[in-house]
Amino acid sequence: MNLDEVIHLVPHSLKQAVSGKLLDIILKSKKTNKISSSLAKTILHDWQKDLVNTEDGLKHLLEAALNMEPEKTMQCFEKLGLTEVNQKLKDVALGE
């Protein structure tokens, strides 16, 4: 399983909530050195073009949030009731 497949599990009705939570995690993190400048630029572009709620936009946010704050990222999905997504994220993190 990869991040594309994980994002595909997020219901359309929750994509905006997920993107908002992931953006909060990214913007509040002090671990800015954990993501590449190209990923940061991609997220900025997605934000400017109102694409953060799309599957690609969510994938970029998820990649950054996992690199910066993996525990908080997984908690975010738990809090939103997306336990299946959270479990799949753990599988991806463990390389299963």
C-alpha atoms as a PDB file:
ATOM      1  CA  MET A   1       0.000   0.000   0.000  1.00  0.00           C
ATOM      2  CA  ASN A   2       1.197   3.523  -0.760  1.00  0.00           C
ATOM      3  CA  LEU A   3       0.059   7.045   0.118  1.00  0.00           C
ATOM      4  CA  ASP A   4      -2.185   7.250  -2.970  1.00  0.00           C
ATOM      5  CA  GLU A   5      -4.131   4.227  -1.755  1.00  0.00           C
ATOM      6  CA  VAL A   6      -4.325   5.612   1.783  1.00  0.00           C
ATOM      7  CA  ILE A   7      -5.712   8.948   0.547  1.00  0.00           C
ATOM      8  CA  HIS A   8      -8.240   7.097  -1.593  1.00  0.00           C
ATOM      9  CA  LEU A   9      -9.711   5.676   1.649  1.00  0.00           C
ATOM     10  CA  VAL A  10     -10.585   9.160   2.954  1.00  0.00           C
ATOM     11  CA  PRO A  11     -14.281   9.832   2.314  1.00  0.00           C
ATOM     12  CA  HIS A  12     -14.983  12.845   0.109  1.00  0.00           C
ATOM     13  CA  SER A  13     -17.011  14.408   2.924  1.00  0.00           C
ATOM     14  CA  LEU A  14     -13.927  14.481   5.186  1.00  0.00           C
ATOM     15  CA  LYS A  15     -11.256  15.617   2.717  1.00  0.00           C
ATOM     16  CA  GLN A  16     -11.561  19.267   3.715  1.00  0.00           C
ATOM     17  CA  ALA A  17     -11.336  18.420   7.423  1.00  0.00           C
ATOM     18  CA  VAL A  18      -8.309  16.187   6.812  1.00  0.00           C
ATOM     19  CA  SER A  19      -6.510  18.821   4.742  1.00  0.00           C
ATOM     20  CA  GLY A  20      -7.170  21.435   7.433  1.00  0.00           C
ATOM     21  CA  LYS A  21      -5.776  19.189  10.178  1.00  0.00           C
ATOM     22  CA  LEU A  22      -2.728  18.251   8.107  1.00  0.00           C
ATOM     23  CA  LEU A  23      -2.046  21.911   7.289  1.00  0.00           C
ATOM     24  CA  ASP A  24      -2.237  22.740  11.007  1.00  0.00           C
ATOM     25  CA  ILE A  25       0.280  20.000  11.794  1.00  0.00           C
ATOM     26  CA  ILE A  26       2.662  21.229   9.096  1.00  0.00           C
ATOM     27  CA  LEU A  27       2.375  24.917   9.952  1.00  0.00           C
ATOM     28  CA  LYS A  28       2.801  24.392  13.700  1.00  0.00           C
ATOM     29  CA  SER A  29       5.743  22.012  13.422  1.00  0.00           C
ATOM     30  CA  LYS A  30       9.238  23.198  14.190  1.00  0.00           C
ATOM     31  CA  LYS A  31      10.694  20.328  12.138  1.00  0.00           C
ATOM     32  CA  THR A  32      10.803  22.202   8.844  1.00  0.00           C
ATOM     33  CA  ASN A  33      14.074  20.498   7.942  1.00  0.00           C
ATOM     34  CA  LYS A  34      12.205  17.196   7.589  1.00  0.00           C
ATOM     35  CA  ILE A  35      10.664  18.069   4.204  1.00  0.00           C
ATOM     36  CA  SER A  36      12.301  19.019   0.950  1.00  0.00           C
ATOM     37  CA  SER A  37      11.982  22.506  -0.469  1.00  0.00           C
ATOM     38  CA  SER A  38      10.341  21.012  -3.572  1.00  0.00           C
ATOM     39  CA  LEU A  39       7.599  19.412  -1.452  1.00  0.00           C
ATOM     40  CA  ALA A  40       7.087  22.701   0.405  1.00  0.00           C
ATOM     41  CA  LYS A  41       6.774  24.527  -2.922  1.00  0.00           C
ATOM     42  CA  THR A  42       4.326  21.918  -4.195  1.00  0.00           C
ATOM     43  CA  ILE A  43       2.139  22.375  -1.104  1.00  0.00           C
ATOM     44  CA  LEU A  44       2.268  26.151  -1.504  1.00  0.00           C
ATOM     45  CA  HIS A  45       1.235  25.795  -5.156  1.00  0.00           C
ATOM     46  CA  ASP A  46      -1.618  23.446  -4.173  1.00  0.00           C
ATOM     47  CA  TRP A  47      -2.762  25.941  -1.555  1.00  0.00           C
ATOM     48  CA  GLN A  48      -2.647  28.898  -3.948  1.00  0.00           C
ATOM     49  CA  LYS A  49      -4.587  26.985  -6.607  1.00  0.00           C
ATOM     50  CA  ASP A  50      -7.116  25.647  -4.056  1.00  0.00           C
ATOM     51  CA  LEU A  51      -5.997  22.070  -4.663  1.00  0.00           C
ATOM     52  CA  VAL A  52      -5.262  20.965  -1.090  1.00  0.00           C
ATOM     53  CA  ASN A  53      -8.572  19.075  -0.879  1.00  0.00           C
ATOM     54  CA  THR A  54      -7.845  17.011  -3.992  1.00  0.00           C
ATOM     55  CA  GLU A  55      -6.289  13.550  -3.772  1.00  0.00           C
ATOM     56  CA  ASP A  56      -2.934  14.879  -5.013  1.00  0.00           C
ATOM     57  CA  GLY A  57      -3.077  17.828  -2.622  1.00  0.00           C
ATOM     58  CA  LEU A  58      -3.903  15.567   0.308  1.00  0.00           C
ATOM     59  CA  LYS A  59      -1.091  13.217  -0.664  1.00  0.00           C
ATOM     60  CA  HIS A  60       1.411  16.090  -0.588  1.00  0.00           C
ATOM     61  CA  LEU A  61       0.117  17.267   2.796  1.00  0.00           C
ATOM     62  CA  LEU A  62       0.175  13.743   4.188  1.00  0.00           C
ATOM     63  CA  GLU A  63       3.726  13.144   3.001  1.00  0.00           C
ATOM     64  CA  ALA A  64       4.931  16.348   4.647  1.00  0.00           C
ATOM     65  CA  ALA A  65       2.989  15.807   7.870  1.00  0.00           C
ATOM     66  CA  LEU A  66       4.258  12.229   8.197  1.00  0.00           C
ATOM     67  CA  ASN A  67       7.838  13.382   7.720  1.00  0.00           C
ATOM     68  CA  MET A  68       7.480  16.225  10.204  1.00  0.00           C
ATOM     69  CA  GLU A  69       5.136  14.857  12.871  1.00  0.00           C
ATOM     70  CA  PRO A  70       4.272  11.183  12.315  1.00  0.00           C
ATOM     71  CA  GLU A  71       2.572  10.641  15.686  1.00  0.00           C
ATOM     72  CA  LYS A  72       0.417  13.757  15.435  1.00  0.00           C
ATOM     73  CA  THR A  73      -0.495  12.855  11.866  1.00  0.00           C
ATOM     74  CA  MET A  74      -1.762   9.432  12.844  1.00  0.00           C
ATOM     75  CA  GLN A  75      -3.633  10.900  15.819  1.00  0.00           C
ATOM     76  CA  CYS A  76      -5.340  13.306  13.425  1.00  0.00           C
ATOM     77  CA  PHE A  77      -6.925  10.420  11.525  1.00  0.00           C
ATOM     78  CA  GLU A  78      -7.909   8.681  14.770  1.00  0.00           C
ATOM     79  CA  LYS A  79      -9.632  11.839  16.027  1.00  0.00           C
ATOM     80  CA  LEU A  80     -11.594  12.096  12.781  1.00  0.00           C
ATOM     81  CA  GLY A  81     -12.785   8.506  13.202  1.00  0.00           C
ATOM     82  CA  LEU A  82     -10.712   7.248  10.279  1.00  0.00           C
ATOM     83  CA  THR A  83      -9.252   4.221  12.055  1.00  0.00           C
ATOM     84  CA  GLU A  84      -8.889   2.232   8.807  1.00  0.00           C
ATOM     85  CA  VAL A  85      -6.839   5.055   7.288  1.00  0.00           C
ATOM     86  CA  ASN A  86      -4.748   5.235  10.444  1.00  0.00           C
ATOM     87  CA  GLN A  87      -4.055   1.495  10.295  1.00  0.00           C
ATOM     88  CA  LYS A  88      -3.081   1.681   6.627  1.00  0.00           C
ATOM     89  CA  LEU A  89      -0.720   4.564   7.447  1.00  0.00           C
ATOM     90  CA  LYS A  90       0.968   2.393  10.035  1.00  0.00           C
ATOM     91  CA  ASP A  91       1.292  -0.363   7.419  1.00  0.00           C
ATOM     92  CA  VAL A  92       2.873   2.117   4.975  1.00  0.00           C
ATOM     93  CA  ALA A  93       5.234   3.395   7.668  1.00  0.00           C
ATOM     94  CA  LEU A  94       6.323  -0.173   8.449  1.00  0.00           C
ATOM     95  CA  GLY A  95       6.714  -0.986   4.765  1.00  0.00           C
ATOM     96  CA  GLU A  96       4.009  -3.660   4.681  1.00  0.00           C
END
